[in-house]
C-alpha atoms as a PDB file:
ATOM      1  CA  UNK A   1     -16.271   2.822  59.021  1.00  0.00           C
ATOM      2  CA  UNK A   2     -13.347   0.726  60.239  1.00  0.00           C
ATOM      3  CA  UNK A   3     -11.044   0.813  57.228  1.00  0.00           C
ATOM      4  CA  UNK A   4      -8.696  -1.982  58.282  1.00  0.00           C
ATOM      5  CA  UNK A   5     -10.958  -4.874  57.196  1.00  0.00           C
ATOM      6  CA  UNK A   6     -11.662  -3.089  53.911  1.00  0.00           C
ATOM      7  CA  UNK A   7      -7.937  -2.590  53.360  1.00  0.00           C
ATOM      8  CA  UNK A   8      -7.206  -6.277  53.885  1.00  0.00           C
ATOM      9  CA  UNK A   9      -9.907  -7.295  51.407  1.00  0.00           C
ATOM     10  CA  UNK A  10      -8.564  -4.797  48.840  1.00  0.00           C
ATOM     11  CA  UNK A  11      -5.007  -6.130  49.243  1.00  0.00           C
ATOM     12  CA  UNK A  12      -6.174  -9.702  48.641  1.00  0.00           C
ATOM     13  CA  UNK A  13      -8.212  -8.576  45.623  1.00  0.00           C
ATOM     14  CA  UNK A  14      -5.238  -6.712  44.121  1.00  0.00           C
ATOM     15  CA  UNK A  15      -2.897  -9.667  44.589  1.00  0.00           C
ATOM     16  CA  UNK A  16      -5.353 -12.101  43.009  1.00  0.00           C
ATOM     17  CA  UNK A  17      -5.864  -9.757  40.065  1.00  0.00           C
ATOM     18  CA  UNK A  18      -2.092  -9.487  39.617  1.00  0.00           C
ATOM     19  CA  UNK A  19      -1.811 -13.279  39.500  1.00  0.00           C
ATOM     20  CA  UNK A  20      -4.437 -13.459  36.763  1.00  0.00           C
ATOM     21  CA  UNK A  21      -2.726 -10.717  34.760  1.00  0.00           C
ATOM     22  CA  UNK A  22       0.684 -12.398  35.001  1.00  0.00           C
ATOM     23  CA  UNK A  23      -0.669 -15.714  33.721  1.00  0.00           C
ATOM     24  CA  UNK A  24      -1.703 -13.960  30.516  1.00  0.00           C
ATOM     25  CA  UNK A  25       1.208 -11.506  30.364  1.00  0.00           C
ATOM     26  CA  UNK A  26       3.778 -14.295  30.571  1.00  0.00           C
ATOM     27  CA  UNK A  27       2.079 -16.602  28.084  1.00  0.00           C
ATOM     28  CA  UNK A  28       0.138 -14.284  25.756  1.00  0.00           C
ATOM     29  CA  UNK A  29       0.619 -14.049  22.017  1.00  0.00           C
ATOM     30  CA  UNK A  30       1.367 -10.356  21.726  1.00  0.00           C
ATOM     31  CA  UNK A  31       1.246 -10.455  17.966  1.00  0.00           C
ATOM     32  CA  UNK A  32      -2.557 -10.373  18.345  1.00  0.00           C
ATOM     33  CA  UNK A  33      -4.059  -6.953  17.693  1.00  0.00           C
ATOM     34  CA  UNK A  34      -4.171  -5.235  21.085  1.00  0.00           C
ATOM     35  CA  UNK A  35      -7.747  -4.019  20.744  1.00  0.00           C
ATOM     36  CA  UNK A  36      -9.225  -7.266  19.480  1.00  0.00           C
ATOM     37  CA  UNK A  37     -11.859  -8.793  21.746  1.00  0.00           C
ATOM     38  CA  UNK A  38      -9.772 -11.904  22.297  1.00  0.00           C
ATOM     39  CA  UNK A  39      -6.395 -10.189  22.723  1.00  0.00           C
ATOM     40  CA  UNK A  40      -4.133 -10.917  25.720  1.00  0.00           C
ATOM     41  CA  UNK A  41      -4.772  -7.384  26.949  1.00  0.00           C
ATOM     42  CA  UNK A  42      -8.544  -7.794  26.858  1.00  0.00           C
ATOM     43  CA  UNK A  43      -8.305 -11.201  28.530  1.00  0.00           C
ATOM     44  CA  UNK A  44      -6.093  -9.739  31.257  1.00  0.00           C
ATOM     45  CA  UNK A  45      -8.472  -6.827  31.858  1.00  0.00           C
ATOM     46  CA  UNK A  46     -11.448  -9.134  32.227  1.00  0.00           C
ATOM     47  CA  UNK A  47      -9.684 -11.734  34.363  1.00  0.00           C
ATOM     48  CA  UNK A  48      -8.404  -9.047  36.737  1.00  0.00           C
ATOM     49  CA  UNK A  49     -11.847  -7.435  36.949  1.00  0.00           C
ATOM     50  CA  UNK A  50     -13.504 -10.724  37.865  1.00  0.00           C
ATOM     51  CA  UNK A  51     -10.843 -11.552  40.471  1.00  0.00           C
ATOM     52  CA  UNK A  52     -11.266  -8.161  42.150  1.00  0.00           C
ATOM     53  CA  UNK A  53     -15.058  -8.165  42.108  1.00  0.00           C
ATOM     54  CA  UNK A  54     -15.163 -11.667  43.625  1.00  0.00           C
ATOM     55  CA  UNK A  55     -13.326 -10.316  46.686  1.00  0.00           C
ATOM     56  CA  UNK A  56     -14.852  -6.843  46.964  1.00  0.00           C
ATOM     57  CA  UNK A  57     -18.413  -8.180  46.766  1.00  0.00           C
ATOM     58  CA  UNK A  58     -17.817  -9.623  50.253  1.00  0.00           C
ATOM     59  CA  UNK A  59     -17.888  -6.058  51.626  1.00  0.00           C
ATOM     60  CA  UNK A  60     -21.426  -5.403  50.312  1.00  0.00           C
ATOM     61  CA  UNK A  61     -20.324  -2.019  48.961  1.00  0.00           C
ATOM     62  CA  UNK A  62     -21.055  -0.821  45.393  1.00  0.00           C
ATOM     63  CA  UNK A  63     -18.315  -1.280  42.789  1.00  0.00           C
ATOM     64  CA  UNK A  64     -17.474   1.032  39.898  1.00  0.00           C
ATOM     65  CA  UNK A  65     -14.943  -0.541  37.538  1.00  0.00           C
ATOM     66  CA  UNK A  66     -13.483   0.490  34.215  1.00  0.00           C
ATOM     67  CA  UNK A  67     -14.260  -3.040  33.034  1.00  0.00           C
ATOM     68  CA  UNK A  68     -17.705  -3.242  34.657  1.00  0.00           C
ATOM     69  CA  UNK A  69     -21.070  -2.106  33.384  1.00  0.00           C
ATOM     70  CA  UNK A  70     -21.823   1.556  32.802  1.00  0.00           C
ATOM     71  CA  UNK A  71     -23.532   2.931  35.903  1.00  0.00           C
ATOM     72  CA  UNK A  72     -25.516   6.128  35.505  1.00  0.00           C
ATOM     73  CA  UNK A  73     -24.903   9.119  37.750  1.00  0.00           C
ATOM     74  CA  UNK A  74     -28.495   8.856  38.926  1.00  0.00           C
ATOM     75  CA  UNK A  75     -27.743   5.391  40.269  1.00  0.00           C
ATOM     76  CA  UNK A  76     -24.402   6.204  41.917  1.00  0.00           C
ATOM     77  CA  UNK A  77     -24.797   9.807  43.074  1.00  0.00           C
ATOM     78  CA  UNK A  78     -26.116   8.827  46.509  1.00  0.00           C
ATOM     79  CA  UNK A  79     -23.505   6.161  47.229  1.00  0.00           C
ATOM     80  CA  UNK A  80     -21.884   6.986  50.580  1.00  0.00           C
ATOM     81  CA  UNK A  81     -19.034   4.512  50.140  1.00  0.00           C
ATOM     82  CA  UNK A  82     -18.037   2.633  47.005  1.00  0.00           C
ATOM     83  CA  UNK A  83     -15.098   0.866  45.402  1.00  0.00           C
ATOM     84  CA  UNK A  84     -13.516   2.410  42.318  1.00  0.00           C
ATOM     85  CA  UNK A  85     -11.215   0.060  40.416  1.00  0.00           C
ATOM     86  CA  UNK A  86      -9.030  -0.089  37.350  1.00  0.00           C
ATOM     87  CA  UNK A  87      -8.204  -3.781  36.961  1.00  0.00           C
ATOM     88  CA  UNK A  88      -5.322  -3.089  34.576  1.00  0.00           C
ATOM     89  CA  UNK A  89      -3.925   0.438  34.359  1.00  0.00           C
ATOM     90  CA  UNK A  90      -1.221   0.974  31.744  1.00  0.00           C
ATOM     91  CA  UNK A  91      -2.403  -0.423  28.421  1.00  0.00           C
ATOM     92  CA  UNK A  92       0.634   0.811  26.497  1.00  0.00           C
ATOM     93  CA  UNK A  93       2.998  -0.557  29.124  1.00  0.00           C
ATOM     94  CA  UNK A  94       1.324  -3.964  29.027  1.00  0.00           C
ATOM     95  CA  UNK A  95       1.648  -4.123  25.240  1.00  0.00           C
ATOM     96  CA  UNK A  96       5.265  -2.897  25.348  1.00  0.00           C
ATOM     97  CA  UNK A  97       5.953  -5.538  28.022  1.00  0.00           C
ATOM     98  CA  UNK A  98       7.925  -3.043  30.143  1.00  0.00           C
ATOM     99  CA  UNK A  99       6.253  -4.059  33.422  1.00  0.00           C
ATOM    100  CA  UNK A 100       4.979  -0.567  34.262  1.00  0.00           C
ATOM    101  CA  UNK A 101       1.307  -1.423  34.645  1.00  0.00           C
ATOM    102  CA  UNK A 102      -0.769  -1.687  37.813  1.00  0.00           C
ATOM    103  CA  UNK A 103      -3.935  -2.868  39.517  1.00  0.00           C
ATOM    104  CA  UNK A 104      -5.754   0.074  41.177  1.00  0.00           C
ATOM    105  CA  UNK A 105      -8.369  -0.259  43.929  1.00  0.00           C
ATOM    106  CA  UNK A 106      -9.754   2.735  45.855  1.00  0.00           C
ATOM    107  CA  UNK A 107     -12.490   3.212  48.418  1.00  0.00           C
ATOM    108  CA  UNK A 108     -14.329   6.501  47.873  1.00  0.00           C
ATOM    109  CA  UNK A 109     -16.242   8.390  50.575  1.00  0.00           C
ATOM    110  CA  UNK A 110     -17.881  11.763  49.965  1.00  0.00           C
ATOM    111  CA  UNK A 111     -16.030  12.278  46.667  1.00  0.00           C
ATOM    112  CA  UNK A 112     -12.567  11.573  48.108  1.00  0.00           C
ATOM    113  CA  UNK A 113     -10.428   8.402  48.126  1.00  0.00           C
ATOM    114  CA  UNK A 114      -9.969   7.308  51.747  1.00  0.00           C
ATOM    115  CA  UNK A 115      -8.207   4.033  50.990  1.00  0.00           C
ATOM    116  CA  UNK A 116      -5.986   3.014  48.104  1.00  0.00           C
ATOM    117  CA  UNK A 117      -4.208  -0.161  47.007  1.00  0.00           C
ATOM    118  CA  UNK A 118      -1.943  -0.342  43.977  1.00  0.00           C
ATOM    119  CA  UNK A 119      -0.351  -3.662  43.035  1.00  0.00           C
ATOM    120  CA  UNK A 120       2.463  -3.847  40.472  1.00  0.00           C
ATOM    121  CA  UNK A 121       2.182  -7.375  39.034  1.00  0.00           C
ATOM    122  CA  UNK A 122       5.658  -7.690  37.527  1.00  0.00           C
ATOM    123  CA  UNK A 123       7.665  -6.386  40.517  1.00  0.00           C
ATOM    124  CA  UNK A 124       5.098  -7.693  43.026  1.00  0.00           C
ATOM    125  CA  UNK A 125       5.278  -4.392  44.895  1.00  0.00           C
ATOM    126  CA  UNK A 126       2.125  -3.541  46.845  1.00  0.00           C
ATOM    127  CA  UNK A 127       1.411   0.099  47.699  1.00  0.00           C
ATOM    128  CA  UNK A 128      -1.383   0.946  50.100  1.00  0.00           C
ATOM    129  CA  UNK A 129      -2.825   3.650  52.335  1.00  0.00           C
ATOM    130  CA  UNK A 130      -5.877   4.299  54.465  1.00  0.00           C
ATOM    131  CA  UNK A 131      -7.071   7.572  55.909  1.00  0.00           C
ATOM    132  CA  UNK A 132      -5.042   8.678  58.920  1.00  0.00           C
ATOM    133  CA  UNK A 133      -2.758   5.622  58.862  1.00  0.00           C
ATOM    134  CA  UNK A 134      -0.023   6.641  56.412  1.00  0.00           C
ATOM    135  CA  UNK A 135       1.200   5.152  53.132  1.00  0.00           C
ATOM    136  CA  UNK A 136       3.347   2.057  52.728  1.00  0.00           C
ATOM    137  CA  UNK A 137       4.955  -0.177  50.134  1.00  0.00           C
ATOM    138  CA  UNK A 138       5.651  -3.868  50.579  1.00  0.00           C
ATOM    139  CA  UNK A 139       8.432  -5.296  48.416  1.00  0.00           C
ATOM    140  CA  UNK A 140      11.063  -8.024  48.581  1.00  0.00           C
ATOM    141  CA  UNK A 141      12.973  -5.748  50.960  1.00  0.00           C
ATOM    142  CA  UNK A 142      10.045  -5.674  53.402  1.00  0.00           C
ATOM    143  CA  UNK A 143       7.615  -2.905  54.364  1.00  0.00           C
ATOM    144  CA  UNK A 144       8.527   0.771  54.083  1.00  0.00           C
ATOM    145  CA  UNK A 145       6.567   3.886  54.982  1.00  0.00           C
ATOM    146  CA  UNK A 146       6.251   6.422  52.173  1.00  0.00           C
ATOM    147  CA  UNK A 147       6.904  10.124  52.524  1.00  0.00           C
ATOM    148  CA  UNK A 148       6.971  12.821  49.853  1.00  0.00           C
ATOM    149  CA  UNK A 149      10.010  15.024  49.347  1.00  0.00           C
ATOM    150  CA  UNK A 150      10.195  18.454  50.954  1.00  0.00           C
ATOM    151  CA  UNK A 151      11.483  20.979  48.433  1.00  0.00           C
ATOM    152  CA  UNK A 152      11.572  24.694  47.756  1.00  0.00           C
ATOM    153  CA  UNK A 153      10.077  25.821  44.479  1.00  0.00           C
ATOM    154  CA  UNK A 154      13.300  27.634  43.603  1.00  0.00           C
ATOM    155  CA  UNK A 155      15.576  24.613  44.044  1.00  0.00           C
ATOM    156  CA  UNK A 156      17.584  23.416  41.060  1.00  0.00           C
ATOM    157  CA  UNK A 157      17.041  19.946  39.681  1.00  0.00           C
ATOM    158  CA  UNK A 158      13.400  19.569  40.656  1.00  0.00           C
ATOM    159  CA  UNK A 159      12.317  16.063  39.657  1.00  0.00           C
ATOM    160  CA  UNK A 160       9.211  16.257  37.486  1.00  0.00           C
ATOM    161  CA  UNK A 161       7.231  13.327  36.100  1.00  0.00           C
ATOM    162  CA  UNK A 162       6.682  13.865  32.376  1.00  0.00           C
ATOM    163  CA  UNK A 163       6.981  12.136  29.035  1.00  0.00           C
ATOM    164  CA  UNK A 164      10.461  12.373  27.517  1.00  0.00           C
ATOM    165  CA  UNK A 165       9.077  12.409  23.995  1.00  0.00           C
ATOM    166  CA  UNK A 166       5.600  13.951  24.237  1.00  0.00           C
ATOM    167  CA  UNK A 167       5.541  17.180  26.229  1.00  0.00           C
ATOM    168  CA  UNK A 168       2.421  19.168  25.416  1.00  0.00           C
ATOM    169  CA  UNK A 169       2.405  22.945  25.430  1.00  0.00           C
ATOM    170  CA  UNK A 170       0.868  23.294  28.909  1.00  0.00           C
ATOM    171  CA  UNK A 171       3.411  20.926  30.434  1.00  0.00           C
ATOM    172  CA  UNK A 172       6.328  22.674  28.703  1.00  0.00           C
ATOM    173  CA  UNK A 173       5.077  26.015  30.028  1.00  0.00           C
ATOM    174  CA  UNK A 174       4.800  24.563  33.539  1.00  0.00           C
ATOM    175  CA  UNK A 175       8.325  23.124  33.429  1.00  0.00           C
ATOM    176  CA  UNK A 176       9.839  26.367  32.104  1.00  0.00           C
ATOM    177  CA  UNK A 177       9.531  27.960  35.557  1.00  0.00           C
ATOM    178  CA  UNK A 178      12.069  25.552  37.054  1.00  0.00           C
ATOM    179  CA  UNK A 179      15.858  25.637  37.011  1.00  0.00           C
ATOM    180  CA  UNK A 180      17.327  22.566  35.302  1.00  0.00           C
ATOM    181  CA  UNK A 181      14.442  20.211  36.086  1.00  0.00           C
ATOM    182  CA  UNK A 182      15.076  16.477  35.878  1.00  0.00           C
ATOM    183  CA  UNK A 183      12.479  14.480  33.949  1.00  0.00           C
ATOM    184  CA  UNK A 184      11.255  11.255  35.538  1.00  0.00           C
ATOM    185  CA  UNK A 185       9.332   9.001  33.149  1.00  0.00           C
ATOM    186  CA  UNK A 186       7.190   5.924  33.853  1.00  0.00           C
ATOM    187  CA  UNK A 187       3.800   4.433  33.102  1.00  0.00           C
ATOM    188  CA  UNK A 188       0.339   4.019  34.669  1.00  0.00           C
ATOM    189  CA  UNK A 189      -0.447   5.087  38.247  1.00  0.00           C
ATOM    190  CA  UNK A 190       3.248   4.653  39.022  1.00  0.00           C
ATOM    191  CA  UNK A 191       3.572   8.310  37.986  1.00  0.00           C
ATOM    192  CA  UNK A 192       1.603   9.442  41.036  1.00  0.00           C
ATOM    193  CA  UNK A 193       3.384   6.920  43.241  1.00  0.00           C
ATOM    194  CA  UNK A 194       6.742   8.355  42.167  1.00  0.00           C
ATOM    195  CA  UNK A 195       5.764  11.520  44.058  1.00  0.00           C
ATOM    196  CA  UNK A 196       4.407   9.537  47.027  1.00  0.00           C
ATOM    197  CA  UNK A 197       7.683   7.668  47.506  1.00  0.00           C
ATOM    198  CA  UNK A 198       9.989  10.608  46.850  1.00  0.00           C
ATOM    199  CA  UNK A 199      11.295   9.510  43.453  1.00  0.00           C
ATOM    200  CA  UNK A 200       9.814  12.720  42.012  1.00  0.00           C
ATOM    201  CA  UNK A 201       8.683  16.072  43.377  1.00  0.00           C
ATOM    202  CA  UNK A 202       5.917  17.049  40.957  1.00  0.00           C
ATOM    203  CA  UNK A 203       3.683  15.420  38.385  1.00  0.00           C
ATOM    204  CA  UNK A 204       1.744  17.801  36.125  1.00  0.00           C
ATOM    205  CA  UNK A 205      -0.975  15.893  34.286  1.00  0.00           C
ATOM    206  CA  UNK A 206      -2.374  18.299  31.750  1.00  0.00           C
ATOM    207  CA  UNK A 207      -3.990  15.659  29.556  1.00  0.00           C
ATOM    208  CA  UNK A 208      -7.049  13.408  29.891  1.00  0.00           C
ATOM    209  CA  UNK A 209      -7.330  10.714  32.575  1.00  0.00           C
ATOM    210  CA  UNK A 210     -10.287   8.924  34.122  1.00  0.00           C
ATOM    211  CA  UNK A 211     -11.179   8.791  37.798  1.00  0.00           C
ATOM    212  CA  UNK A 212     -10.215   5.112  38.149  1.00  0.00           C
ATOM    213  CA  UNK A 213      -6.754   5.923  36.765  1.00  0.00           C
ATOM    214  CA  UNK A 214      -5.916   8.097  39.765  1.00  0.00           C
ATOM    215  CA  UNK A 215      -8.171   7.333  42.761  1.00  0.00           C
ATOM    216  CA  UNK A 216      -6.094   4.617  44.446  1.00  0.00           C
ATOM    217  CA  UNK A 217      -2.745   6.379  43.991  1.00  0.00           C
ATOM    218  CA  UNK A 218      -4.373   9.684  45.048  1.00  0.00           C
ATOM    219  CA  UNK A 219      -5.102   8.161  48.471  1.00  0.00           C
ATOM    220  CA  UNK A 220      -1.485   6.996  48.735  1.00  0.00           C
ATOM    221  CA  UNK A 221      -0.074  10.413  47.757  1.00  0.00           C
ATOM    222  CA  UNK A 222      -2.288  12.130  50.332  1.00  0.00           C
ATOM    223  CA  UNK A 223      -1.258   9.836  53.181  1.00  0.00           C
ATOM    224  CA  UNK A 224       2.400  10.282  52.192  1.00  0.00           C
ATOM    225  CA  UNK A 225       2.019  14.036  52.725  1.00  0.00           C
ATOM    226  CA  UNK A 226       1.371  15.186  49.161  1.00  0.00           C
ATOM    227  CA  UNK A 227      -1.540  16.660  47.236  1.00  0.00           C
ATOM    228  CA  UNK A 228      -3.453  15.958  44.028  1.00  0.00           C
ATOM    229  CA  UNK A 229      -4.935  19.320  43.072  1.00  0.00           C
ATOM    230  CA  UNK A 230      -6.906  20.633  40.138  1.00  0.00           C
ATOM    231  CA  UNK A 231      -4.621  22.629  37.821  1.00  0.00           C
ATOM    232  CA  UNK A 232      -4.002  26.212  39.013  1.00  0.00           C
ATOM    233  CA  UNK A 233      -6.117  25.581  42.120  1.00  0.00           C
ATOM    234  CA  UNK A 234      -5.753  24.399  45.705  1.00  0.00           C
ATOM    235  CA  UNK A 235      -8.864  22.258  45.330  1.00  0.00           C
ATOM    236  CA  UNK A 236      -8.364  18.516  45.517  1.00  0.00           C
ATOM    237  CA  UNK A 237      -9.387  16.372  42.566  1.00  0.00           C
ATOM    238  CA  UNK A 238     -12.709  14.756  43.504  1.00  0.00           C
ATOM    239  CA  UNK A 239     -14.537  11.645  42.426  1.00  0.00           C
ATOM    240  CA  UNK A 240     -17.935  10.251  41.437  1.00  0.00           C
ATOM    241  CA  UNK A 241     -18.724  13.206  39.199  1.00  0.00           C
ATOM    242  CA  UNK A 242     -21.474  13.005  36.543  1.00  0.00           C
ATOM    243  CA  UNK A 243     -18.639  12.803  33.992  1.00  0.00           C
ATOM    244  CA  UNK A 244     -15.866  10.473  35.221  1.00  0.00           C
ATOM    245  CA  UNK A 245     -13.181  12.330  33.255  1.00  0.00           C
ATOM    246  CA  UNK A 246     -10.630  13.986  35.560  1.00  0.00           C
ATOM    247  CA  UNK A 247      -9.752  17.673  35.246  1.00  0.00           C
ATOM    248  CA  UNK A 248      -6.114  18.498  34.528  1.00  0.00           C
ATOM    249  CA  UNK A 249      -4.234  18.226  37.804  1.00  0.00           C
ATOM    250  CA  UNK A 250      -0.915  18.611  39.624  1.00  0.00           C
ATOM    251  CA  UNK A 251       0.534  16.032  42.017  1.00  0.00           C
ATOM    252  CA  UNK A 252       2.899  17.689  44.507  1.00  0.00           C
ATOM    253  CA  UNK A 253       5.208  16.647  47.267  1.00  0.00           C
ATOM    254  CA  UNK A 254       5.769  19.067  50.136  1.00  0.00           C
ATOM    255  CA  UNK A 255       6.681  22.104  48.028  1.00  0.00           C
ATOM    256  CA  UNK A 256       7.214  25.518  49.620  1.00  0.00           C
ATOM    257  CA  UNK A 257       7.976  28.944  48.161  1.00  0.00           C
END
């Protein structure tokens, strides 16, 4: 498959979704209960989903969305290519109004993301990658190629993406092996992108996530020279499983012993 046309469609879809989200984000009554059916968050989710699907349907490829209908494994297991989307990733960030939420669109082939687009509505940054073509971010400063950091495991001050206030036992144990690690904290798929663009070296995610939370950014990390591996394994996280819950995983830059 020629990925360039698919990439252009995904970029347009992500931008249109971001526009829909911002309309609601900038005008919403955030005193409404976040989980209510008519809340700004729910409206934003749905509006973004519809905007993305309207574009991606032009490719005639199946679509699996967090906000779409439940699709059984029996129906999707034989899909060769399909879109996996999270129309609004970062629920807590949206409610907190801190801007750290994203639109995630990935193209999956044989259980791996081969194309990824992540749009950040508030900053208008657009991250993207396609297999063999590298990773890039477009911002007000123009277009920049992304590359992970090269570090030695023994280096002091390793930058690790983690929560400042909620480190679970597995994450604390992981971080204890490093000398004076620096904690980098942010929301949504931006945590994976921090590794892709060299703002962090490692991101241990030893807590639940869903496939659509990570697929798009996974493609971007890979093309930037990093890895998204199952915890304590060299095996890449894979997609379109019977259960769409991700295993615990580690996002790494170019880390050597």
